[in-house]
Amino acid sequence: MTQLMELRQLRYFIKLAEVLNYSAASRELFITQSTLSQQIINLEGEFGVRLFNRNSHAVSLTPAGEVLLPLAQATLDAADRCRKSMEKVSTIEKSRIIKL
């Protein structure tokens, strides 16, 4: 069964890309390092590419990670705009119901 990418995974990816440190990223995301690592591995598995170079001393974006970063940011921005728009619609709908 194919796993579908989740917005949460993109948030994790972006944070790790920003700080380039699993400990710091997991701390800022309020998750465990193992959870962060597993979600990054899942995302890499879905795309079929490595997103980060890792060794015991450093983390860096691969070329594929560099391509994904602006796309992931745009995706989260679009999802946020969608949520805000639907909140506005919900508020309008609720005010219409109250007026009836």
PDB file of N, CA and C in Angstrom:
ATOM      1  N   MET A   1       0.841  -1.178   0.000  1.00  0.00           N
ATOM      2  CA  MET A   1       0.000   0.000   0.000  1.00  0.00           C
ATOM      3  C   MET A   1       0.891   1.248   0.000  1.00  0.00           C
ATOM      4  N   THR A   2       0.580   2.189  -0.858  1.00  0.00           N
ATOM      5  CA  THR A   2       1.361   3.415  -0.963  1.00  0.00           C
ATOM      6  C   THR A   2       0.964   4.368   0.157  1.00  0.00           C
ATOM      7  N   GLN A   3       1.958   4.893   0.842  1.00  0.00           N
ATOM      8  CA  GLN A   3       1.700   5.872   1.893  1.00  0.00           C
ATOM      9  C   GLN A   3       1.563   7.242   1.249  1.00  0.00           C
ATOM     10  N   LEU A   4       0.615   8.026   1.700  1.00  0.00           N
ATOM     11  CA  LEU A   4       0.430   9.364   1.175  1.00  0.00           C
ATOM     12  C   LEU A   4       1.137  10.379   2.058  1.00  0.00           C
ATOM     13  N   MET A   5       1.779  11.319   1.413  1.00  0.00           N
ATOM     14  CA  MET A   5       2.472  12.387   2.114  1.00  0.00           C
ATOM     15  C   MET A   5       1.470  13.151   2.984  1.00  0.00           C
ATOM     16  N   GLU A   6       1.912  13.551   4.161  1.00  0.00           N
ATOM     17  CA  GLU A   6       1.071  14.312   5.075  1.00  0.00           C
ATOM     18  C   GLU A   6       1.682  15.693   5.291  1.00  0.00           C
ATOM     19  N   LEU A   7       0.827  16.673   5.546  1.00  0.00           N
ATOM     20  CA  LEU A   7       1.311  18.025   5.828  1.00  0.00           C
ATOM     21  C   LEU A   7       2.274  18.023   7.014  1.00  0.00           C
ATOM     22  N   ARG A   8       1.977  17.191   7.982  1.00  0.00           N
ATOM     23  CA  ARG A   8       2.839  17.078   9.168  1.00  0.00           C
ATOM     24  C   ARG A   8       4.261  16.694   8.767  1.00  0.00           C
ATOM     25  N   GLN A   9       4.395  15.783   7.837  1.00  0.00           N
ATOM     26  CA  GLN A   9       5.712  15.372   7.382  1.00  0.00           C
ATOM     27  C   GLN A   9       6.445  16.531   6.714  1.00  0.00           C
ATOM     28  N   LEU A  10       5.712  17.332   5.963  1.00  0.00           N
ATOM     29  CA  LEU A  10       6.336  18.494   5.322  1.00  0.00           C
ATOM     30  C   LEU A  10       6.779  19.512   6.361  1.00  0.00           C
ATOM     31  N   ARG A  11       5.981  19.691   7.421  1.00  0.00           N
ATOM     32  CA  ARG A  11       6.390  20.593   8.509  1.00  0.00           C
ATOM     33  C   ARG A  11       7.688  20.088   9.149  1.00  0.00           C
ATOM     34  N   TYR A  12       7.758  18.795   9.385  1.00  0.00           N
ATOM     35  CA  TYR A  12       8.952  18.200   9.976  1.00  0.00           C
ATOM     36  C   TYR A  12      10.155  18.397   9.054  1.00  0.00           C
ATOM     37  N   PHE A  13       9.947  18.140   7.760  1.00  0.00           N
ATOM     38  CA  PHE A  13      11.016  18.300   6.785  1.00  0.00           C
ATOM     39  C   PHE A  13      11.534  19.736   6.779  1.00  0.00           C
ATOM     40  N   ILE A  14      10.623  20.696   6.740  1.00  0.00           N
ATOM     41  CA  ILE A  14      11.019  22.111   6.697  1.00  0.00           C
ATOM     42  C   ILE A  14      11.804  22.491   7.946  1.00  0.00           C
ATOM     43  N   LYS A  15      11.335  22.071   9.101  1.00  0.00           N
ATOM     44  CA  LYS A  15      12.041  22.425  10.345  1.00  0.00           C
ATOM     45  C   LYS A  15      13.441  21.828  10.346  1.00  0.00           C
ATOM     46  N   LEU A  16      13.564  20.569   9.953  1.00  0.00           N
ATOM     47  CA  LEU A  16      14.885  19.944   9.914  1.00  0.00           C
ATOM     48  C   LEU A  16      15.775  20.649   8.891  1.00  0.00           C
ATOM     49  N   ALA A  17      15.209  21.044   7.761  1.00  0.00           N
ATOM     50  CA  ALA A  17      15.982  21.762   6.742  1.00  0.00           C
ATOM     51  C   ALA A  17      16.438  23.127   7.264  1.00  0.00           C
ATOM     52  N   GLU A  18      15.641  23.739   8.122  1.00  0.00           N
ATOM     53  CA  GLU A  18      16.002  25.050   8.683  1.00  0.00           C
ATOM     54  C   GLU A  18      17.140  24.950   9.698  1.00  0.00           C
ATOM     55  N   VAL A  19      17.047  23.962  10.583  1.00  0.00           N
ATOM     56  CA  VAL A  19      18.032  23.894  11.676  1.00  0.00           C
ATOM     57  C   VAL A  19      19.157  22.893  11.426  1.00  0.00           C
ATOM     58  N   LEU A  20      18.936  21.959  10.503  1.00  0.00           N
ATOM     59  CA  LEU A  20      19.940  20.937  10.143  1.00  0.00           C
ATOM     60  C   LEU A  20      20.504  20.213  11.356  1.00  0.00           C
ATOM     61  N   ASN A  21      19.613  19.904  12.278  1.00  0.00           N
ATOM     62  CA  ASN A  21      20.004  19.191  13.493  1.00  0.00           C
ATOM     63  C   ASN A  21      18.772  18.453  14.010  1.00  0.00           C
ATOM     64  N   TYR A  22      18.861  17.129  14.100  1.00  0.00           N
ATOM     65  CA  TYR A  22      17.711  16.330  14.523  1.00  0.00           C
ATOM     66  C   TYR A  22      17.268  16.664  15.946  1.00  0.00           C
ATOM     67  N   SER A  23      18.218  16.846  16.851  1.00  0.00           N
ATOM     68  CA  SER A  23      17.866  17.154  18.241  1.00  0.00           C
ATOM     69  C   SER A  23      17.126  18.478  18.334  1.00  0.00           C
ATOM     70  N   ALA A  24      17.675  19.506  17.700  1.00  0.00           N
ATOM     71  CA  ALA A  24      17.054  20.830  17.757  1.00  0.00           C
ATOM     72  C   ALA A  24      15.694  20.823  17.074  1.00  0.00           C
ATOM     73  N   ALA A  25      15.602  20.184  15.918  1.00  0.00           N
ATOM     74  CA  ALA A  25      14.327  20.146  15.193  1.00  0.00           C
ATOM     75  C   ALA A  25      13.264  19.414  15.999  1.00  0.00           C
ATOM     76  N   SER A  26      13.603  18.274  16.558  1.00  0.00           N
ATOM     77  CA  SER A  26      12.615  17.513  17.323  1.00  0.00           C
ATOM     78  C   SER A  26      12.188  18.286  18.567  1.00  0.00           C
ATOM     79  N   ARG A  27      13.119  18.972  19.183  1.00  0.00           N
ATOM     80  CA  ARG A  27      12.796  19.794  20.359  1.00  0.00           C
ATOM     81  C   ARG A  27      11.815  20.903  19.975  1.00  0.00           C
ATOM     82  N   GLU A  28      12.080  21.589  18.873  1.00  0.00           N
ATOM     83  CA  GLU A  28      11.218  22.687  18.427  1.00  0.00           C
ATOM     84  C   GLU A  28       9.847  22.196  17.958  1.00  0.00           C
ATOM     85  N   LEU A  29       9.795  20.960  17.485  1.00  0.00           N
ATOM     86  CA  LEU A  29       8.537  20.379  17.014  1.00  0.00           C
ATOM     87  C   LEU A  29       7.765  19.664  18.135  1.00  0.00           C
ATOM     88  N   PHE A  30       8.398  19.534  19.308  1.00  0.00           N
ATOM     89  CA  PHE A  30       7.802  18.835  20.458  1.00  0.00           C
ATOM     90  C   PHE A  30       7.499  17.374  20.140  1.00  0.00           C
ATOM     91  N   ILE A  31       8.458  16.727  19.456  1.00  0.00           N
ATOM     92  CA  ILE A  31       8.363  15.305  19.157  1.00  0.00           C
ATOM     93  C   ILE A  31       9.699  14.658  19.499  1.00  0.00           C
ATOM     94  N   THR A  32       9.729  13.337  19.516  1.00  0.00           N
ATOM     95  CA  THR A  32      10.984  12.642  19.778  1.00  0.00           C
ATOM     96  C   THR A  32      11.839  12.614  18.515  1.00  0.00           C
ATOM     97  N   GLN A  33      13.136  12.441  18.718  1.00  0.00           N
ATOM     98  CA  GLN A  33      14.043  12.321  17.572  1.00  0.00           C
ATOM     99  C   GLN A  33      13.684  11.116  16.720  1.00  0.00           C
ATOM    100  N   SER A  34      13.298  10.027  17.364  1.00  0.00           N
ATOM    101  CA  SER A  34      12.965   8.822  16.593  1.00  0.00           C
ATOM    102  C   SER A  34      11.720   9.052  15.735  1.00  0.00           C
ATOM    103  N   THR A  35      10.754   9.814  16.246  1.00  0.00           N
ATOM    104  CA  THR A  35       9.566  10.135  15.449  1.00  0.00           C
ATOM    105  C   THR A  35       9.955  10.984  14.245  1.00  0.00           C
ATOM    106  N   LEU A  36      10.774  11.999  14.473  1.00  0.00           N
ATOM    107  CA  LEU A  36      11.233  12.854  13.376  1.00  0.00           C
ATOM    108  C   LEU A  36      11.980  12.024  12.338  1.00  0.00           C
ATOM    109  N   SER A  37      12.906  11.218  12.790  1.00  0.00           N
ATOM    110  CA  SER A  37      13.698  10.388  11.887  1.00  0.00           C
ATOM    111  C   SER A  37      12.804   9.461  11.071  1.00  0.00           C
ATOM    112  N   GLN A  38      11.850   8.824  11.711  1.00  0.00           N
ATOM    113  CA  GLN A  38      10.966   7.889  11.013  1.00  0.00           C
ATOM    114  C   GLN A  38      10.108   8.609   9.979  1.00  0.00           C
ATOM    115  N   GLN A  39       9.616   9.787  10.302  1.00  0.00           N
ATOM    116  CA  GLN A  39       8.787  10.529   9.350  1.00  0.00           C
ATOM    117  C   GLN A  39       9.604  11.012   8.151  1.00  0.00           C
ATOM    118  N   ILE A  40      10.841  11.396   8.384  1.00  0.00           N
ATOM    119  CA  ILE A  40      11.715  11.789   7.268  1.00  0.00           C
ATOM    120  C   ILE A  40      12.004  10.571   6.385  1.00  0.00           C
ATOM    121  N   ILE A  41      12.269   9.442   7.007  1.00  0.00           N
ATOM    122  CA  ILE A  41      12.499   8.199   6.256  1.00  0.00           C
ATOM    123  C   ILE A  41      11.260   7.840   5.440  1.00  0.00           C
ATOM    124  N   ASN A  42      10.069   7.993   6.032  1.00  0.00           N
ATOM    125  CA  ASN A  42       8.827   7.709   5.315  1.00  0.00           C
ATOM    126  C   ASN A  42       8.668   8.631   4.110  1.00  0.00           C
ATOM    127  N   LEU A  43       8.971   9.904   4.299  1.00  0.00           N
ATOM    128  CA  LEU A  43       8.867  10.869   3.205  1.00  0.00           C
ATOM    129  C   LEU A  43       9.860  10.524   2.096  1.00  0.00           C
ATOM    130  N   GLU A  44      11.076  10.188   2.480  1.00  0.00           N
ATOM    131  CA  GLU A  44      12.081   9.777   1.489  1.00  0.00           C
ATOM    132  C   GLU A  44      11.628   8.522   0.740  1.00  0.00           C
ATOM    133  N   GLY A  45      11.020   7.607   1.474  1.00  0.00           N
ATOM    134  CA  GLY A  45      10.522   6.387   0.841  1.00  0.00           C
ATOM    135  C   GLY A  45       9.415   6.675  -0.160  1.00  0.00           C
ATOM    136  N   GLU A  46       8.552   7.594   0.189  1.00  0.00           N
ATOM    137  CA  GLU A  46       7.464   7.946  -0.723  1.00  0.00           C
ATOM    138  C   GLU A  46       7.987   8.592  -2.006  1.00  0.00           C
ATOM    139  N   PHE A  47       8.968   9.473  -1.861  1.00  0.00           N
ATOM    140  CA  PHE A  47       9.525  10.157  -3.032  1.00  0.00           C
ATOM    141  C   PHE A  47      10.573   9.325  -3.753  1.00  0.00           C
ATOM    142  N   GLY A  48      11.133   8.347  -3.071  1.00  0.00           N
ATOM    143  CA  GLY A  48      12.153   7.508  -3.686  1.00  0.00           C
ATOM    144  C   GLY A  48      13.511   8.192  -3.806  1.00  0.00           C
ATOM    145  N   VAL A  49      13.743   9.205  -2.971  1.00  0.00           N
ATOM    146  CA  VAL A  49      15.022   9.923  -2.972  1.00  0.00           C
ATOM    147  C   VAL A  49      15.401  10.269  -1.540  1.00  0.00           C
ATOM    148  N   ARG A  50      16.701  10.430  -1.322  1.00  0.00           N
ATOM    149  CA  ARG A  50      17.173  10.914  -0.023  1.00  0.00           C
ATOM    150  C   ARG A  50      17.027  12.428  -0.007  1.00  0.00           C
ATOM    151  N   LEU A  51      16.513  12.950   1.082  1.00  0.00           N
ATOM    152  CA  LEU A  51      16.321  14.389   1.223  1.00  0.00           C
ATOM    153  C   LEU A  51      17.433  15.044   2.025  1.00  0.00           C
ATOM    154  N   PHE A  52      18.100  14.253   2.857  1.00  0.00           N
ATOM    155  CA  PHE A  52      19.178  14.753   3.710  1.00  0.00           C
ATOM    156  C   PHE A  52      20.388  13.847   3.617  1.00  0.00           C
ATOM    157  N   ASN A  53      21.563  14.447   3.653  1.00  0.00           N
ATOM    158  CA  ASN A  53      22.804  13.717   3.887  1.00  0.00           C
ATOM    159  C   ASN A  53      22.992  13.725   5.390  1.00  0.00           C
ATOM    160  N   ARG A  54      23.294  12.564   5.937  1.00  0.00           N
ATOM    161  CA  ARG A  54      23.467  12.461   7.383  1.00  0.00           C
ATOM    162  C   ARG A  54      24.766  11.735   7.679  1.00  0.00           C
ATOM    163  N   ASN A  55      25.441  12.220   8.688  1.00  0.00           N
ATOM    164  CA  ASN A  55      26.532  11.456   9.274  1.00  0.00           C
ATOM    165  C   ASN A  55      26.533  11.779  10.756  1.00  0.00           C
ATOM    166  N   SER A  56      27.488  11.267  11.490  1.00  0.00           N
ATOM    167  CA  SER A  56      27.479  11.460  12.940  1.00  0.00           C
ATOM    168  C   SER A  56      27.748  12.902  13.343  1.00  0.00           C
ATOM    169  N   HIS A  57      28.202  13.731  12.412  1.00  0.00           N
ATOM    170  CA  HIS A  57      28.560  15.102  12.765  1.00  0.00           C
ATOM    171  C   HIS A  57      27.702  16.169  12.106  1.00  0.00           C
ATOM    172  N   ALA A  58      26.996  15.827  11.018  1.00  0.00           N
ATOM    173  CA  ALA A  58      26.290  16.883  10.287  1.00  0.00           C
ATOM    174  C   ALA A  58      25.075  16.350   9.528  1.00  0.00           C
ATOM    175  N   VAL A  59      24.160  17.272   9.271  1.00  0.00           N
ATOM    176  CA  VAL A  59      22.994  17.007   8.432  1.00  0.00           C
ATOM    177  C   VAL A  59      22.975  18.107   7.382  1.00  0.00           C
ATOM    178  N   SER A  60      22.752  17.736   6.126  1.00  0.00           N
ATOM    179  CA  SER A  60      22.644  18.733   5.066  1.00  0.00           C
ATOM    180  C   SER A  60      21.612  18.266   4.052  1.00  0.00           C
ATOM    181  N   LEU A  61      21.047  19.226   3.333  1.00  0.00           N
ATOM    182  CA  LEU A  61      20.086  18.883   2.283  1.00  0.00           C
ATOM    183  C   LEU A  61      20.792  18.281   1.077  1.00  0.00           C
ATOM    184  N   THR A  62      20.184  17.274   0.500  1.00  0.00           N
ATOM    185  CA  THR A  62      20.645  16.747  -0.783  1.00  0.00           C
ATOM    186  C   THR A  62      20.083  17.657  -1.880  1.00  0.00           C
ATOM    187  N   PRO A  63      20.495  17.484  -3.117  1.00  0.00           N
ATOM    188  CA  PRO A  63      19.877  18.255  -4.195  1.00  0.00           C
ATOM    189  C   PRO A  63      18.356  18.058  -4.246  1.00  0.00           C
ATOM    190  N   ALA A  64      17.891  16.848  -3.998  1.00  0.00           N
ATOM    191  CA  ALA A  64      16.442  16.595  -3.974  1.00  0.00           C
ATOM    192  C   ALA A  64      15.785  17.362  -2.829  1.00  0.00           C
ATOM    193  N   GLY A  65      16.438  17.422  -1.687  1.00  0.00           N
ATOM    194  CA  GLY A  65      15.915  18.180  -0.553  1.00  0.00           C
ATOM    195  C   GLY A  65      15.840  19.662  -0.866  1.00  0.00           C
ATOM    196  N   GLU A  66      16.833  20.154  -1.593  1.00  0.00           N
ATOM    197  CA  GLU A  66      16.829  21.565  -1.989  1.00  0.00           C
ATOM    198  C   GLU A  66      15.670  21.872  -2.940  1.00  0.00           C
ATOM    199  N   VAL A  67      15.335  20.919  -3.798  1.00  0.00           N
ATOM    200  CA  VAL A  67      14.184  21.093  -4.696  1.00  0.00           C
ATOM    201  C   VAL A  67      12.882  21.060  -3.894  1.00  0.00           C
ATOM    202  N   LEU A  68      12.793  20.143  -2.938  1.00  0.00           N
ATOM    203  CA  LEU A  68      11.563  19.985  -2.166  1.00  0.00           C
ATOM    204  C   LEU A  68      11.288  21.165  -1.244  1.00  0.00           C
ATOM    205  N   LEU A  69      12.306  21.782  -0.681  1.00  0.00           N
ATOM    206  CA  LEU A  69      12.101  22.805   0.343  1.00  0.00           C
ATOM    207  C   LEU A  69      11.142  23.915  -0.090  1.00  0.00           C
ATOM    208  N   PRO A  70      11.364  24.608  -1.215  1.00  0.00           N
ATOM    209  CA  PRO A  70      10.407  25.666  -1.576  1.00  0.00           C
ATOM    210  C   PRO A  70       9.025  25.115  -1.928  1.00  0.00           C
ATOM    211  N   LEU A  71       8.983  23.904  -2.467  1.00  0.00           N
ATOM    212  CA  LEU A  71       7.691  23.289  -2.791  1.00  0.00           C
ATOM    213  C   LEU A  71       6.920  22.950  -1.523  1.00  0.00           C
ATOM    214  N   ALA A  72       7.632  22.432  -0.522  1.00  0.00           N
ATOM    215  CA  ALA A  72       6.993  22.106   0.754  1.00  0.00           C
ATOM    216  C   ALA A  72       6.488  23.377   1.432  1.00  0.00           C
ATOM    217  N   GLN A  73       7.291  24.442   1.388  1.00  0.00           N
ATOM    218  CA  GLN A  73       6.868  25.704   1.983  1.00  0.00           C
ATOM    219  C   GLN A  73       5.631  26.248   1.279  1.00  0.00           C
ATOM    220  N   ALA A  74       5.612  26.176  -0.036  1.00  0.00           N
ATOM    221  CA  ALA A  74       4.451  26.650  -0.802  1.00  0.00           C
ATOM    222  C   ALA A  74       3.212  25.805  -0.500  1.00  0.00           C
ATOM    223  N   THR A  75       3.401  24.515  -0.338  1.00  0.00           N
ATOM    224  CA  THR A  75       2.289  23.623  -0.022  1.00  0.00           C
ATOM    225  C   THR A  75       1.689  23.967   1.334  1.00  0.00           C
ATOM    226  N   LEU A  76       2.541  24.172   2.338  1.00  0.00           N
ATOM    227  CA  LEU A  76       2.035  24.534   3.665  1.00  0.00           C
ATOM    228  C   LEU A  76       1.381  25.910   3.656  1.00  0.00           C
ATOM    229  N   ASP A  77       1.932  26.843   2.886  1.00  0.00           N
ATOM    230  CA  ASP A  77       1.311  28.164   2.763  1.00  0.00           C
ATOM    231  C   ASP A  77      -0.080  28.041   2.139  1.00  0.00           C
ATOM    232  N   ALA A  78      -0.197  27.223   1.102  1.00  0.00           N
ATOM    233  CA  ALA A  78      -1.495  27.020   0.446  1.00  0.00           C
ATOM    234  C   ALA A  78      -2.486  26.354   1.395  1.00  0.00           C
ATOM    235  N   ALA A  79      -2.031  25.380   2.155  1.00  0.00           N
ATOM    236  CA  ALA A  79      -2.906  24.712   3.119  1.00  0.00           C
ATOM    237  C   ALA A  79      -3.380  25.698   4.183  1.00  0.00           C
ATOM    238  N   ASP A  80      -2.501  26.595   4.610  1.00  0.00           N
ATOM    239  CA  ASP A  80      -2.867  27.604   5.600  1.00  0.00           C
ATOM    240  C   ASP A  80      -3.900  28.579   5.027  1.00  0.00           C
ATOM    241  N   ARG A  81      -3.702  29.000   3.775  1.00  0.00           N
ATOM    242  CA  ARG A  81      -4.682  29.885   3.122  1.00  0.00           C
ATOM    243  C   ARG A  81      -6.036  29.184   2.993  1.00  0.00           C
ATOM    244  N   CYS A  82      -6.012  27.917   2.679  1.00  0.00           N
ATOM    245  CA  CYS A  82      -7.240  27.128   2.565  1.00  0.00           C
ATOM    246  C   CYS A  82      -7.972  27.092   3.906  1.00  0.00           C
ATOM    247  N   ARG A  83      -7.242  26.801   4.969  1.00  0.00           N
ATOM    248  CA  ARG A  83      -7.842  26.735   6.304  1.00  0.00           C
ATOM    249  C   ARG A  83      -8.446  28.071   6.693  1.00  0.00           C
ATOM    250  N   LYS A  84      -7.714  29.162   6.450  1.00  0.00           N
ATOM    251  CA  LYS A  84      -8.202  30.495   6.801  1.00  0.00           C
ATOM    252  C   LYS A  84      -9.444  30.856   5.992  1.00  0.00           C
ATOM    253  N   SER A  85      -9.458  30.503   4.729  1.00  0.00           N
ATOM    254  CA  SER A  85     -10.630  30.775   3.898  1.00  0.00           C
ATOM    255  C   SER A  85     -11.848  30.007   4.392  1.00  0.00           C
ATOM    256  N   MET A  86     -11.644  28.761   4.761  1.00  0.00           N
ATOM    257  CA  MET A  86     -12.762  27.962   5.245  1.00  0.00           C
ATOM    258  C   MET A  86     -13.246  28.450   6.610  1.00  0.00           C
ATOM    259  N   GLU A  87     -12.353  28.976   7.426  1.00  0.00           N
ATOM    260  CA  GLU A  87     -12.770  29.568   8.698  1.00  0.00           C
ATOM    261  C   GLU A  87     -13.666  30.775   8.446  1.00  0.00           C
ATOM    262  N   LYS A  88     -13.317  31.591   7.450  1.00  0.00           N
ATOM    263  CA  LYS A  88     -14.140  32.748   7.094  1.00  0.00           C
ATOM    264  C   LYS A  88     -15.505  32.295   6.598  1.00  0.00           C
ATOM    265  N   VAL A  89     -15.529  31.285   5.731  1.00  0.00           N
ATOM    266  CA  VAL A  89     -16.796  30.761   5.223  1.00  0.00           C
ATOM    267  C   VAL A  89     -17.642  30.241   6.369  1.00  0.00           C
ATOM    268  N   SER A  90     -17.023  29.531   7.270  1.00  0.00           N
ATOM    269  CA  SER A  90     -17.739  28.983   8.422  1.00  0.00           C
ATOM    270  C   SER A  90     -18.358  30.095   9.260  1.00  0.00           C
ATOM    271  N   THR A  91     -17.609  31.161   9.477  1.00  0.00           N
ATOM    272  CA  THR A  91     -18.114  32.295  10.252  1.00  0.00           C
ATOM    273  C   THR A  91     -19.310  32.937   9.548  1.00  0.00           C
ATOM    274  N   ILE A  92     -19.197  33.088   8.229  1.00  0.00           N
ATOM    275  CA  ILE A  92     -20.301  33.666   7.447  1.00  0.00           C
ATOM    276  C   ILE A  92     -21.527  32.765   7.518  1.00  0.00           C
ATOM    277  N   GLU A  93     -21.318  31.458   7.348  1.00  0.00           N
ATOM    278  CA  GLU A  93     -22.438  30.510   7.401  1.00  0.00           C
ATOM    279  C   GLU A  93     -23.113  30.530   8.772  1.00  0.00           C
ATOM    280  N   LYS A  94     -22.330  30.569   9.824  1.00  0.00           N
ATOM    281  CA  LYS A  94     -22.899  30.594  11.175  1.00  0.00           C
ATOM    282  C   LYS A  94     -23.697  31.865  11.398  1.00  0.00           C
ATOM    283  N   SER A  95     -23.205  33.003  10.891  1.00  0.00           N
ATOM    284  CA  SER A  95     -23.935  34.258  11.080  1.00  0.00           C
ATOM    285  C   SER A  95     -25.243  34.245  10.289  1.00  0.00           C
ATOM    286  N   ARG A  96     -25.262  33.587   9.139  1.00  0.00           N
ATOM    287  CA  ARG A  96     -26.503  33.451   8.353  1.00  0.00           C
ATOM    288  C   ARG A  96     -27.525  32.621   9.091  1.00  0.00           C
ATOM    289  N   ILE A  97     -27.075  31.540   9.710  1.00  0.00           N
ATOM    290  CA  ILE A  97     -27.974  30.659  10.445  1.00  0.00           C
ATOM    291  C   ILE A  97     -28.582  31.393  11.627  1.00  0.00           C
ATOM    292  N   ILE A  98     -27.758  32.169  12.312  1.00  0.00           N
ATOM    293  CA  ILE A  98     -28.231  32.922  13.480  1.00  0.00           C
ATOM    294  C   ILE A  98     -29.283  33.942  13.056  1.00  0.00           C
ATOM    295  N   LYS A  99     -29.123  34.576  11.898  1.00  0.00           N
ATOM    296  CA  LYS A  99     -30.073  35.589  11.411  1.00  0.00           C
ATOM    297  C   LYS A  99     -31.412  34.978  11.036  1.00  0.00           C
ATOM    298  N   LEU A 100     -31.423  33.710  10.641  1.00  0.00           N
ATOM    299  CA  LEU A 100     -32.680  33.056  10.262  1.00  0.00           C
ATOM    300  C   LEU A 100     -33.487  32.817  11.497  1.00  0.00           C
TER     301      LEU A 100
END
